[in-house]
C-alpha atoms as a PDB file:
ATOM      1  CA  UNK A   1     -76.157-184.069  -8.490  1.00  0.00           C
ATOM      2  CA  UNK A   2     -72.912-186.007  -8.160  1.00  0.00           C
ATOM      3  CA  UNK A   3     -70.689-186.088 -11.238  1.00  0.00           C
ATOM      4  CA  UNK A   4     -69.301-189.512 -12.088  1.00  0.00           C
ATOM      5  CA  UNK A   5     -65.824-189.822 -13.581  1.00  0.00           C
ATOM      6  CA  UNK A   6     -65.858-190.184 -17.369  1.00  0.00           C
ATOM      7  CA  UNK A   7     -64.427-193.696 -17.193  1.00  0.00           C
ATOM      8  CA  UNK A   8     -67.345-194.781 -14.977  1.00  0.00           C
ATOM      9  CA  UNK A   9     -69.848-193.214 -17.365  1.00  0.00           C
ATOM     10  CA  UNK A  10     -68.334-195.096 -20.301  1.00  0.00           C
ATOM     11  CA  UNK A  11     -68.570-198.336 -18.304  1.00  0.00           C
ATOM     12  CA  UNK A  12     -72.243-197.673 -17.617  1.00  0.00           C
ATOM     13  CA  UNK A  13     -72.824-196.719 -21.255  1.00  0.00           C
ATOM     14  CA  UNK A  14     -71.419-200.029 -22.456  1.00  0.00           C
ATOM     15  CA  UNK A  15     -73.691-202.163 -20.252  1.00  0.00           C
ATOM     16  CA  UNK A  16     -76.345-204.166 -22.107  1.00  0.00           C
ATOM     17  CA  UNK A  17     -79.879-202.972 -21.325  1.00  0.00           C
ATOM     18  CA  UNK A  18     -80.853-206.181 -19.544  1.00  0.00           C
ATOM     19  CA  UNK A  19     -77.954-205.704 -17.092  1.00  0.00           C
ATOM     20  CA  UNK A  20     -79.402-202.441 -15.764  1.00  0.00           C
ATOM     21  CA  UNK A  21     -81.810-202.782 -12.834  1.00  0.00           C
ATOM     22  CA  UNK A  22     -84.673-200.342 -13.383  1.00  0.00           C
ATOM     23  CA  UNK A  23     -87.085-202.025 -10.963  1.00  0.00           C
ATOM     24  CA  UNK A  24     -87.126-199.045  -8.577  1.00  0.00           C
ATOM     25  CA  UNK A  25     -87.726-196.443 -11.275  1.00  0.00           C
ATOM     26  CA  UNK A  26     -91.434-195.618 -11.648  1.00  0.00           C
ATOM     27  CA  UNK A  27     -93.009-195.848 -15.093  1.00  0.00           C
ATOM     28  CA  UNK A  28     -93.864-192.521 -16.733  1.00  0.00           C
ATOM     29  CA  UNK A  29     -97.547-192.912 -17.503  1.00  0.00           C
ATOM     30  CA  UNK A  30     -99.834-190.778 -19.702  1.00  0.00           C
ATOM     31  CA  UNK A  31    -100.654-188.529 -16.742  1.00  0.00           C
ATOM     32  CA  UNK A  32     -96.984-187.638 -16.365  1.00  0.00           C
ATOM     33  CA  UNK A  33     -96.627-186.658 -20.036  1.00  0.00           C
ATOM     34  CA  UNK A  34     -99.920-184.710 -20.054  1.00  0.00           C
ATOM     35  CA  UNK A  35     -98.624-182.522 -17.228  1.00  0.00           C
ATOM     36  CA  UNK A  36     -94.925-182.417 -18.161  1.00  0.00           C
ATOM     37  CA  UNK A  37     -93.353-179.033 -18.794  1.00  0.00           C
ATOM     38  CA  UNK A  38     -90.014-178.282 -20.403  1.00  0.00           C
ATOM     39  CA  UNK A  39     -88.018-175.933 -18.208  1.00  0.00           C
ATOM     40  CA  UNK A  40     -84.929-174.278 -19.671  1.00  0.00           C
ATOM     41  CA  UNK A  41     -82.542-172.756 -17.120  1.00  0.00           C
ATOM     42  CA  UNK A  42     -82.165-168.993 -17.350  1.00  0.00           C
ATOM     43  CA  UNK A  43     -78.412-169.208 -18.029  1.00  0.00           C
ATOM     44  CA  UNK A  44     -78.773-171.852 -20.730  1.00  0.00           C
ATOM     45  CA  UNK A  45     -76.527-171.540 -23.773  1.00  0.00           C
ATOM     46  CA  UNK A  46     -76.525-173.946 -26.713  1.00  0.00           C
ATOM     47  CA  UNK A  47     -72.999-174.346 -28.064  1.00  0.00           C
ATOM     48  CA  UNK A  48     -72.426-176.359 -31.221  1.00  0.00           C
ATOM     49  CA  UNK A  49     -70.792-179.718 -30.538  1.00  0.00           C
ATOM     50  CA  UNK A  50     -67.733-179.054 -32.748  1.00  0.00           C
ATOM     51  CA  UNK A  51     -67.029-175.725 -31.012  1.00  0.00           C
ATOM     52  CA  UNK A  52     -67.412-177.199 -27.545  1.00  0.00           C
ATOM     53  CA  UNK A  53     -65.119-180.131 -28.357  1.00  0.00           C
ATOM     54  CA  UNK A  54     -62.478-177.718 -29.712  1.00  0.00           C
ATOM     55  CA  UNK A  55     -62.547-175.677 -26.492  1.00  0.00           C
ATOM     56  CA  UNK A  56     -62.389-178.843 -24.390  1.00  0.00           C
ATOM     57  CA  UNK A  57     -59.220-179.839 -26.245  1.00  0.00           C
ATOM     58  CA  UNK A  58     -57.502-176.485 -25.623  1.00  0.00           C
ATOM     59  CA  UNK A  59     -57.300-176.247 -21.847  1.00  0.00           C
ATOM     60  CA  UNK A  60     -58.464-177.926 -18.695  1.00  0.00           C
ATOM     61  CA  UNK A  61     -60.908-175.158 -17.735  1.00  0.00           C
ATOM     62  CA  UNK A  62     -62.673-174.701 -21.061  1.00  0.00           C
ATOM     63  CA  UNK A  63     -65.641-172.939 -19.397  1.00  0.00           C
ATOM     64  CA  UNK A  64     -63.347-170.122 -18.310  1.00  0.00           C
ATOM     65  CA  UNK A  65     -61.793-169.907 -21.797  1.00  0.00           C
ATOM     66  CA  UNK A  66     -65.228-169.698 -23.451  1.00  0.00           C
ATOM     67  CA  UNK A  67     -66.238-166.908 -21.042  1.00  0.00           C
ATOM     68  CA  UNK A  68     -62.966-165.060 -21.751  1.00  0.00           C
ATOM     69  CA  UNK A  69     -63.577-165.224 -25.519  1.00  0.00           C
ATOM     70  CA  UNK A  70     -67.185-164.074 -25.153  1.00  0.00           C
ATOM     71  CA  UNK A  71     -66.196-161.218 -22.827  1.00  0.00           C
ATOM     72  CA  UNK A  72     -63.529-160.034 -25.296  1.00  0.00           C
ATOM     73  CA  UNK A  73     -66.129-160.065 -28.073  1.00  0.00           C
ATOM     74  CA  UNK A  74     -68.627-158.197 -25.885  1.00  0.00           C
ATOM     75  CA  UNK A  75     -66.054-155.565 -24.870  1.00  0.00           C
ATOM     76  CA  UNK A  76     -64.951-155.066 -28.498  1.00  0.00           C
ATOM     77  CA  UNK A  77     -68.546-154.439 -29.602  1.00  0.00           C
ATOM     78  CA  UNK A  78     -69.675-152.025 -26.898  1.00  0.00           C
END
């Protein structure tokens, strides 16, 4: 999936609903929801919003910083 720049996402987010063309998107009928399954990726980690925003404000590569902090914690508790 292609990542859009944040500025583009905010532009899209500010569009009124009637300005968005959804004519090519199929409706999700009852059959879809009866057979839908929630799939959580194996490497899924839920991080509280406040913590994630703090890390994002610290450095450009906040993913690496989070992994560094978690590895230090893991190594200290082995």
